[in-house]
């Protein structure tokens, strides 16, 4: 049975990813983080593949069906739609789309608490600055803004982690032909952040050691 707009709007995240089927291999994958990702499952030359069309609502139901129909025609002609089509799809791909795909890929096997911290960092520190931008439109200055915003709270370690996550998102995008852009690669945290001062612990004499053991 074909999907409806009402079903898509009502779909809520669960503990695990699940999919809503529109038919003929087109599906909407609902991730635990709440992202809704269009996927096309098909087989060509005896190999089963999964093609990404982007995230809802950036890609609407009607748009996903158009993309699906075009890809399905290529498969029927013996042409794998992944190559050229994936490049064309980048014209509507936001950084939030790529970040969601990276996060779902990255979090597999990670400690849930750690994964939750990273999800929060995305939602609070990273995506408010660059999530709405096209993935190819993000510049080094945007990464600098993210890092400086976090640093202004006195959270130097979290600022470095935010920078690392930005770099991971764009490296994932490059590896999966979603972008050719990694603005984080052009800068280094040491160029942005204040150096962390090493704090030397006071020297303890042999005479004071028993006191330390009893403390």
C-alpha atoms as a PDB file:
ATOM      1  CA  UNK A   1       0.000   0.000   0.000  1.00  0.00           C
ATOM      2  CA  UNK A   2       1.304   3.445  -0.936  1.00  0.00           C
ATOM      3  CA  UNK A   3       2.388   5.884   1.739  1.00  0.00           C
ATOM      4  CA  UNK A   4       0.296   8.906   2.655  1.00  0.00           C
ATOM      5  CA  UNK A   5       1.347  12.287   3.971  1.00  0.00           C
ATOM      6  CA  UNK A   6      -0.611  11.622   7.165  1.00  0.00           C
ATOM      7  CA  UNK A   7       1.306   8.381   7.832  1.00  0.00           C
ATOM      8  CA  UNK A   8       4.625  10.156   7.329  1.00  0.00           C
ATOM      9  CA  UNK A   9       3.687  13.012   9.651  1.00  0.00           C
ATOM     10  CA  UNK A  10       2.497  10.613  12.352  1.00  0.00           C
ATOM     11  CA  UNK A  11       5.601   8.383  12.195  1.00  0.00           C
ATOM     12  CA  UNK A  12       7.504   8.607  15.489  1.00  0.00           C
ATOM     13  CA  UNK A  13      11.039   7.362  16.259  1.00  0.00           C
ATOM     14  CA  UNK A  14      11.466   4.090  18.123  1.00  0.00           C
ATOM     15  CA  UNK A  15      14.341   2.345  19.841  1.00  0.00           C
ATOM     16  CA  UNK A  16      15.484   0.970  16.478  1.00  0.00           C
ATOM     17  CA  UNK A  17      15.234   2.166  12.883  1.00  0.00           C
ATOM     18  CA  UNK A  18      12.193   0.992  10.948  1.00  0.00           C
ATOM     19  CA  UNK A  19      10.808   1.673   7.487  1.00  0.00           C
ATOM     20  CA  UNK A  20       7.515   2.682   5.903  1.00  0.00           C
ATOM     21  CA  UNK A  21       7.108   1.191   2.435  1.00  0.00           C
ATOM     22  CA  UNK A  22       5.718   3.096  -0.545  1.00  0.00           C
ATOM     23  CA  UNK A  23       6.095   0.185  -2.941  1.00  0.00           C
ATOM     24  CA  UNK A  24       8.557  -1.084  -5.552  1.00  0.00           C
ATOM     25  CA  UNK A  25      11.546  -0.654  -3.259  1.00  0.00           C
ATOM     26  CA  UNK A  26      10.866   2.947  -2.167  1.00  0.00           C
ATOM     27  CA  UNK A  27      10.786   3.361   1.594  1.00  0.00           C
ATOM     28  CA  UNK A  28      11.073   5.980   4.305  1.00  0.00           C
ATOM     29  CA  UNK A  29      13.442   4.953   7.096  1.00  0.00           C
ATOM     30  CA  UNK A  30      12.601   6.388  10.528  1.00  0.00           C
ATOM     31  CA  UNK A  31      15.708   6.521  12.703  1.00  0.00           C
ATOM     32  CA  UNK A  32      15.800   6.593  16.521  1.00  0.00           C
ATOM     33  CA  UNK A  33      17.016  10.193  16.309  1.00  0.00           C
ATOM     34  CA  UNK A  34      13.797  11.178  14.527  1.00  0.00           C
ATOM     35  CA  UNK A  35      15.245  11.729  11.049  1.00  0.00           C
ATOM     36  CA  UNK A  36      13.172  10.420   8.139  1.00  0.00           C
ATOM     37  CA  UNK A  37      15.324   9.252   5.236  1.00  0.00           C
ATOM     38  CA  UNK A  38      14.197   8.221   1.755  1.00  0.00           C
ATOM     39  CA  UNK A  39      15.726   4.985   0.488  1.00  0.00           C
ATOM     40  CA  UNK A  40      15.346   2.900  -2.691  1.00  0.00           C
ATOM     41  CA  UNK A  41      16.182  -0.773  -2.431  1.00  0.00           C
ATOM     42  CA  UNK A  42      16.908  -2.410  -5.779  1.00  0.00           C
ATOM     43  CA  UNK A  43      18.904  -5.173  -7.429  1.00  0.00           C
ATOM     44  CA  UNK A  44      21.118  -4.808 -10.493  1.00  0.00           C
ATOM     45  CA  UNK A  45      23.560  -7.306 -12.007  1.00  0.00           C
ATOM     46  CA  UNK A  46      22.669  -9.676  -9.187  1.00  0.00           C
ATOM     47  CA  UNK A  47      23.735  -7.192  -6.530  1.00  0.00           C
ATOM     48  CA  UNK A  48      21.301  -5.662  -4.050  1.00  0.00           C
ATOM     49  CA  UNK A  49      21.858  -1.967  -3.443  1.00  0.00           C
ATOM     50  CA  UNK A  50      20.333   0.838  -1.373  1.00  0.00           C
ATOM     51  CA  UNK A  51      20.084   4.321  -2.864  1.00  0.00           C
ATOM     52  CA  UNK A  52      19.549   7.463  -0.767  1.00  0.00           C
ATOM     53  CA  UNK A  53      17.233  10.230  -1.954  1.00  0.00           C
ATOM     54  CA  UNK A  54      17.666  12.587   1.013  1.00  0.00           C
ATOM     55  CA  UNK A  55      15.662  13.387   4.110  1.00  0.00           C
ATOM     56  CA  UNK A  56      11.998  14.278   4.583  1.00  0.00           C
ATOM     57  CA  UNK A  57      10.692  17.014   4.556  1.00  0.00           C
ATOM     58  CA  UNK A  58      13.543  18.471   2.454  1.00  0.00           C
ATOM     59  CA  UNK A  59      12.553  15.820  -0.097  1.00  0.00           C
ATOM     60  CA  UNK A  60       8.764  15.588  -0.135  1.00  0.00           C
ATOM     61  CA  UNK A  61       6.756  12.436  -0.817  1.00  0.00           C
ATOM     62  CA  UNK A  62       5.971  13.616  -4.346  1.00  0.00           C
ATOM     63  CA  UNK A  63       9.629  14.451  -5.036  1.00  0.00           C
ATOM     64  CA  UNK A  64      10.782  11.098  -3.671  1.00  0.00           C
ATOM     65  CA  UNK A  65       8.386   9.326  -6.029  1.00  0.00           C
ATOM     66  CA  UNK A  66       9.751  11.255  -9.019  1.00  0.00           C
ATOM     67  CA  UNK A  67      13.314  10.358  -8.043  1.00  0.00           C
ATOM     68  CA  UNK A  68      12.253   6.748  -7.479  1.00  0.00           C
ATOM     69  CA  UNK A  69      10.538   6.480 -10.868  1.00  0.00           C
ATOM     70  CA  UNK A  70      13.582   7.844 -12.671  1.00  0.00           C
ATOM     71  CA  UNK A  71      15.920   5.464 -10.805  1.00  0.00           C
ATOM     72  CA  UNK A  72      13.607   2.511 -11.431  1.00  0.00           C
ATOM     73  CA  UNK A  73      13.628   3.238 -15.190  1.00  0.00           C
ATOM     74  CA  UNK A  74      17.421   3.204 -15.194  1.00  0.00           C
ATOM     75  CA  UNK A  75      17.467  -0.145 -13.386  1.00  0.00           C
ATOM     76  CA  UNK A  76      15.042  -1.558 -15.978  1.00  0.00           C
ATOM     77  CA  UNK A  77      17.487  -0.443 -18.678  1.00  0.00           C
ATOM     78  CA  UNK A  78      20.366  -2.166 -16.903  1.00  0.00           C
ATOM     79  CA  UNK A  79      21.881   1.127 -15.743  1.00  0.00           C
ATOM     80  CA  UNK A  80      22.873   1.587 -12.109  1.00  0.00           C
ATOM     81  CA  UNK A  81      21.257   4.875 -11.008  1.00  0.00           C
ATOM     82  CA  UNK A  82      23.614   5.487  -8.105  1.00  0.00           C
ATOM     83  CA  UNK A  83      26.399   7.370  -9.908  1.00  0.00           C
ATOM     84  CA  UNK A  84      25.022  10.342 -11.843  1.00  0.00           C
ATOM     85  CA  UNK A  85      21.769  10.496  -9.888  1.00  0.00           C
ATOM     86  CA  UNK A  86      23.557  10.821  -6.591  1.00  0.00           C
ATOM     87  CA  UNK A  87      25.506  13.793  -7.921  1.00  0.00           C
ATOM     88  CA  UNK A  88      22.304  15.475  -9.154  1.00  0.00           C
ATOM     89  CA  UNK A  89      20.616  14.902  -5.790  1.00  0.00           C
ATOM     90  CA  UNK A  90      23.252  17.071  -4.128  1.00  0.00           C
ATOM     91  CA  UNK A  91      21.485  20.164  -5.449  1.00  0.00           C
ATOM     92  CA  UNK A  92      18.921  19.842  -2.618  1.00  0.00           C
ATOM     93  CA  UNK A  93      21.105  18.223   0.025  1.00  0.00           C
ATOM     94  CA  UNK A  94      21.394  20.218   3.258  1.00  0.00           C
ATOM     95  CA  UNK A  95      24.135  19.844   5.834  1.00  0.00           C
ATOM     96  CA  UNK A  96      21.487  18.562   8.261  1.00  0.00           C
ATOM     97  CA  UNK A  97      20.773  15.700   5.814  1.00  0.00           C
ATOM     98  CA  UNK A  98      24.432  14.714   5.668  1.00  0.00           C
ATOM     99  CA  UNK A  99      24.829  15.083   9.443  1.00  0.00           C
ATOM    100  CA  UNK A 100      21.853  12.782  10.063  1.00  0.00           C
ATOM    101  CA  UNK A 101      23.237  10.157   7.693  1.00  0.00           C
ATOM    102  CA  UNK A 102      26.697  10.418   9.284  1.00  0.00           C
ATOM    103  CA  UNK A 103      25.268  10.092  12.786  1.00  0.00           C
ATOM    104  CA  UNK A 104      23.236   6.974  11.929  1.00  0.00           C
ATOM    105  CA  UNK A 105      26.357   5.431  10.384  1.00  0.00           C
ATOM    106  CA  UNK A 106      28.704   6.510  13.184  1.00  0.00           C
ATOM    107  CA  UNK A 107      26.613   5.555  16.214  1.00  0.00           C
ATOM    108  CA  UNK A 108      26.493   1.817  15.386  1.00  0.00           C
ATOM    109  CA  UNK A 109      28.251  -0.019  18.207  1.00  0.00           C
ATOM    110  CA  UNK A 110      28.850   3.144  20.231  1.00  0.00           C
ATOM    111  CA  UNK A 111      27.978   3.507  23.899  1.00  0.00           C
ATOM    112  CA  UNK A 112      24.410   4.924  24.007  1.00  0.00           C
ATOM    113  CA  UNK A 113      25.359   7.606  26.522  1.00  0.00           C
ATOM    114  CA  UNK A 114      28.292   8.759  24.389  1.00  0.00           C
ATOM    115  CA  UNK A 115      26.122   8.676  21.263  1.00  0.00           C
ATOM    116  CA  UNK A 116      23.517  10.762  23.084  1.00  0.00           C
ATOM    117  CA  UNK A 117      26.125  13.398  23.952  1.00  0.00           C
ATOM    118  CA  UNK A 118      27.160  13.612  20.287  1.00  0.00           C
ATOM    119  CA  UNK A 119      23.512  13.896  19.189  1.00  0.00           C
ATOM    120  CA  UNK A 120      23.023  16.757  21.644  1.00  0.00           C
ATOM    121  CA  UNK A 121      26.182  18.452  20.363  1.00  0.00           C
ATOM    122  CA  UNK A 122      24.816  18.243  16.832  1.00  0.00           C
ATOM    123  CA  UNK A 123      21.427  19.655  17.795  1.00  0.00           C
ATOM    124  CA  UNK A 124      22.667  22.389  20.144  1.00  0.00           C
ATOM    125  CA  UNK A 125      26.041  23.530  18.802  1.00  0.00           C
ATOM    126  CA  UNK A 126      26.489  22.453  15.171  1.00  0.00           C
ATOM    127  CA  UNK A 127      23.222  22.245  13.225  1.00  0.00           C
ATOM    128  CA  UNK A 128      21.817  25.616  14.391  1.00  0.00           C
ATOM    129  CA  UNK A 129      24.777  27.223  12.587  1.00  0.00           C
ATOM    130  CA  UNK A 130      25.140  25.094   9.435  1.00  0.00           C
ATOM    131  CA  UNK A 131      22.207  22.651   9.330  1.00  0.00           C
ATOM    132  CA  UNK A 132      20.093  24.839   7.043  1.00  0.00           C
ATOM    133  CA  UNK A 133      22.935  25.436   4.585  1.00  0.00           C
ATOM    134  CA  UNK A 134      23.492  23.394   1.432  1.00  0.00           C
ATOM    135  CA  UNK A 135      26.248  20.904   2.126  1.00  0.00           C
ATOM    136  CA  UNK A 136      28.468  22.552  -0.499  1.00  0.00           C
ATOM    137  CA  UNK A 137      27.844  26.049   0.891  1.00  0.00           C
ATOM    138  CA  UNK A 138      29.503  25.601   4.288  1.00  0.00           C
ATOM    139  CA  UNK A 139      32.701  27.633   4.604  1.00  0.00           C
ATOM    140  CA  UNK A 140      35.588  27.528   7.101  1.00  0.00           C
ATOM    141  CA  UNK A 141      34.145  30.653   8.740  1.00  0.00           C
ATOM    142  CA  UNK A 142      31.045  28.649   9.710  1.00  0.00           C
ATOM    143  CA  UNK A 143      33.197  26.015  11.414  1.00  0.00           C
ATOM    144  CA  UNK A 144      35.085  28.789  13.206  1.00  0.00           C
ATOM    145  CA  UNK A 145      31.780  30.231  14.414  1.00  0.00           C
ATOM    146  CA  UNK A 146      30.713  26.861  15.838  1.00  0.00           C
ATOM    147  CA  UNK A 147      33.996  26.371  17.677  1.00  0.00           C
ATOM    148  CA  UNK A 148      34.093  29.933  19.005  1.00  0.00           C
ATOM    149  CA  UNK A 149      30.489  29.722  20.229  1.00  0.00           C
ATOM    150  CA  UNK A 150      31.321  26.678  22.322  1.00  0.00           C
ATOM    151  CA  UNK A 151      34.613  28.112  23.527  1.00  0.00           C
ATOM    152  CA  UNK A 152      32.818  31.261  24.731  1.00  0.00           C
ATOM    153  CA  UNK A 153      31.078  29.071  27.321  1.00  0.00           C
ATOM    154  CA  UNK A 154      34.471  28.067  28.683  1.00  0.00           C
ATOM    155  CA  UNK A 155      34.095  24.541  27.298  1.00  0.00           C
ATOM    156  CA  UNK A 156      37.431  24.104  25.518  1.00  0.00           C
ATOM    157  CA  UNK A 157      37.246  20.311  25.353  1.00  0.00           C
ATOM    158  CA  UNK A 158      33.704  20.413  23.941  1.00  0.00           C
ATOM    159  CA  UNK A 159      34.824  23.010  21.385  1.00  0.00           C
ATOM    160  CA  UNK A 160      37.478  20.583  20.133  1.00  0.00           C
ATOM    161  CA  UNK A 161      34.920  17.784  20.010  1.00  0.00           C
ATOM    162  CA  UNK A 162      32.521  19.965  18.027  1.00  0.00           C
ATOM    163  CA  UNK A 163      35.294  20.678  15.524  1.00  0.00           C
ATOM    164  CA  UNK A 164      36.048  16.953  15.286  1.00  0.00           C
ATOM    165  CA  UNK A 165      32.378  16.132  14.656  1.00  0.00           C
ATOM    166  CA  UNK A 166      32.182  18.753  11.899  1.00  0.00           C
ATOM    167  CA  UNK A 167      35.171  17.192  10.191  1.00  0.00           C
ATOM    168  CA  UNK A 168      33.667  13.709  10.549  1.00  0.00           C
ATOM    169  CA  UNK A 169      30.401  14.839   8.944  1.00  0.00           C
ATOM    170  CA  UNK A 170      32.096  16.245   5.867  1.00  0.00           C
ATOM    171  CA  UNK A 171      34.532  13.341   5.536  1.00  0.00           C
ATOM    172  CA  UNK A 172      31.518  11.022   5.532  1.00  0.00           C
ATOM    173  CA  UNK A 173      29.877  13.211   2.907  1.00  0.00           C
ATOM    174  CA  UNK A 174      32.948  13.028   0.678  1.00  0.00           C
ATOM    175  CA  UNK A 175      33.257   9.258   1.112  1.00  0.00           C
ATOM    176  CA  UNK A 176      29.623   8.773   0.088  1.00  0.00           C
ATOM    177  CA  UNK A 177      29.637  11.191  -2.874  1.00  0.00           C
ATOM    178  CA  UNK A 178      27.360  13.657  -1.071  1.00  0.00           C
ATOM    179  CA  UNK A 179      29.837  16.530  -1.287  1.00  0.00           C
ATOM    180  CA  UNK A 180      33.396  17.353  -2.289  1.00  0.00           C
ATOM    181  CA  UNK A 181      33.658  19.943   0.458  1.00  0.00           C
ATOM    182  CA  UNK A 182      35.315  19.664   3.876  1.00  0.00           C
ATOM    183  CA  UNK A 183      35.704  23.188   5.273  1.00  0.00           C
ATOM    184  CA  UNK A 184      37.076  21.782   8.532  1.00  0.00           C
ATOM    185  CA  UNK A 185      40.104  20.417   6.684  1.00  0.00           C
ATOM    186  CA  UNK A 186      41.336  23.945   6.009  1.00  0.00           C
ATOM    187  CA  UNK A 187      41.751  24.895   9.672  1.00  0.00           C
ATOM    188  CA  UNK A 188      43.183  23.397  12.845  1.00  0.00           C
ATOM    189  CA  UNK A 189      41.798  23.639  16.388  1.00  0.00           C
ATOM    190  CA  UNK A 190      45.174  24.944  17.573  1.00  0.00           C
ATOM    191  CA  UNK A 191      44.705  27.982  15.321  1.00  0.00           C
ATOM    192  CA  UNK A 192      41.352  28.776  16.936  1.00  0.00           C
ATOM    193  CA  UNK A 193      41.401  27.762  20.566  1.00  0.00           C
ATOM    194  CA  UNK A 194      43.373  29.039  23.491  1.00  0.00           C
ATOM    195  CA  UNK A 195      46.044  26.561  24.593  1.00  0.00           C
ATOM    196  CA  UNK A 196      45.194  24.528  27.652  1.00  0.00           C
ATOM    197  CA  UNK A 197      47.584  25.383  30.456  1.00  0.00           C
ATOM    198  CA  UNK A 198      49.205  22.382  32.075  1.00  0.00           C
ATOM    199  CA  UNK A 199      48.688  22.304  35.819  1.00  0.00           C
ATOM    200  CA  UNK A 200      51.532  20.675  37.717  1.00  0.00           C
ATOM    201  CA  UNK A 201      50.554  18.946  40.933  1.00  0.00           C
ATOM    202  CA  UNK A 202      52.460  20.078  44.051  1.00  0.00           C
ATOM    203  CA  UNK A 203      55.493  18.001  44.931  1.00  0.00           C
ATOM    204  CA  UNK A 204      54.958  15.564  47.775  1.00  0.00           C
ATOM    205  CA  UNK A 205      57.901  14.641  49.982  1.00  0.00           C
ATOM    206  CA  UNK A 206      58.512  11.120  51.272  1.00  0.00           C
ATOM    207  CA  UNK A 207      57.598  12.308  54.761  1.00  0.00           C
ATOM    208  CA  UNK A 208      54.157  13.444  53.515  1.00  0.00           C
ATOM    209  CA  UNK A 209      53.320  10.252  51.614  1.00  0.00           C
ATOM    210  CA  UNK A 210      51.666   8.442  54.562  1.00  0.00           C
ATOM    211  CA  UNK A 211      49.367  11.426  55.017  1.00  0.00           C
ATOM    212  CA  UNK A 212      48.329  11.251  51.337  1.00  0.00           C
ATOM    213  CA  UNK A 213      47.561   7.542  51.677  1.00  0.00           C
ATOM    214  CA  UNK A 214      45.303   8.216  54.670  1.00  0.00           C
ATOM    215  CA  UNK A 215      43.474  11.109  52.997  1.00  0.00           C
END
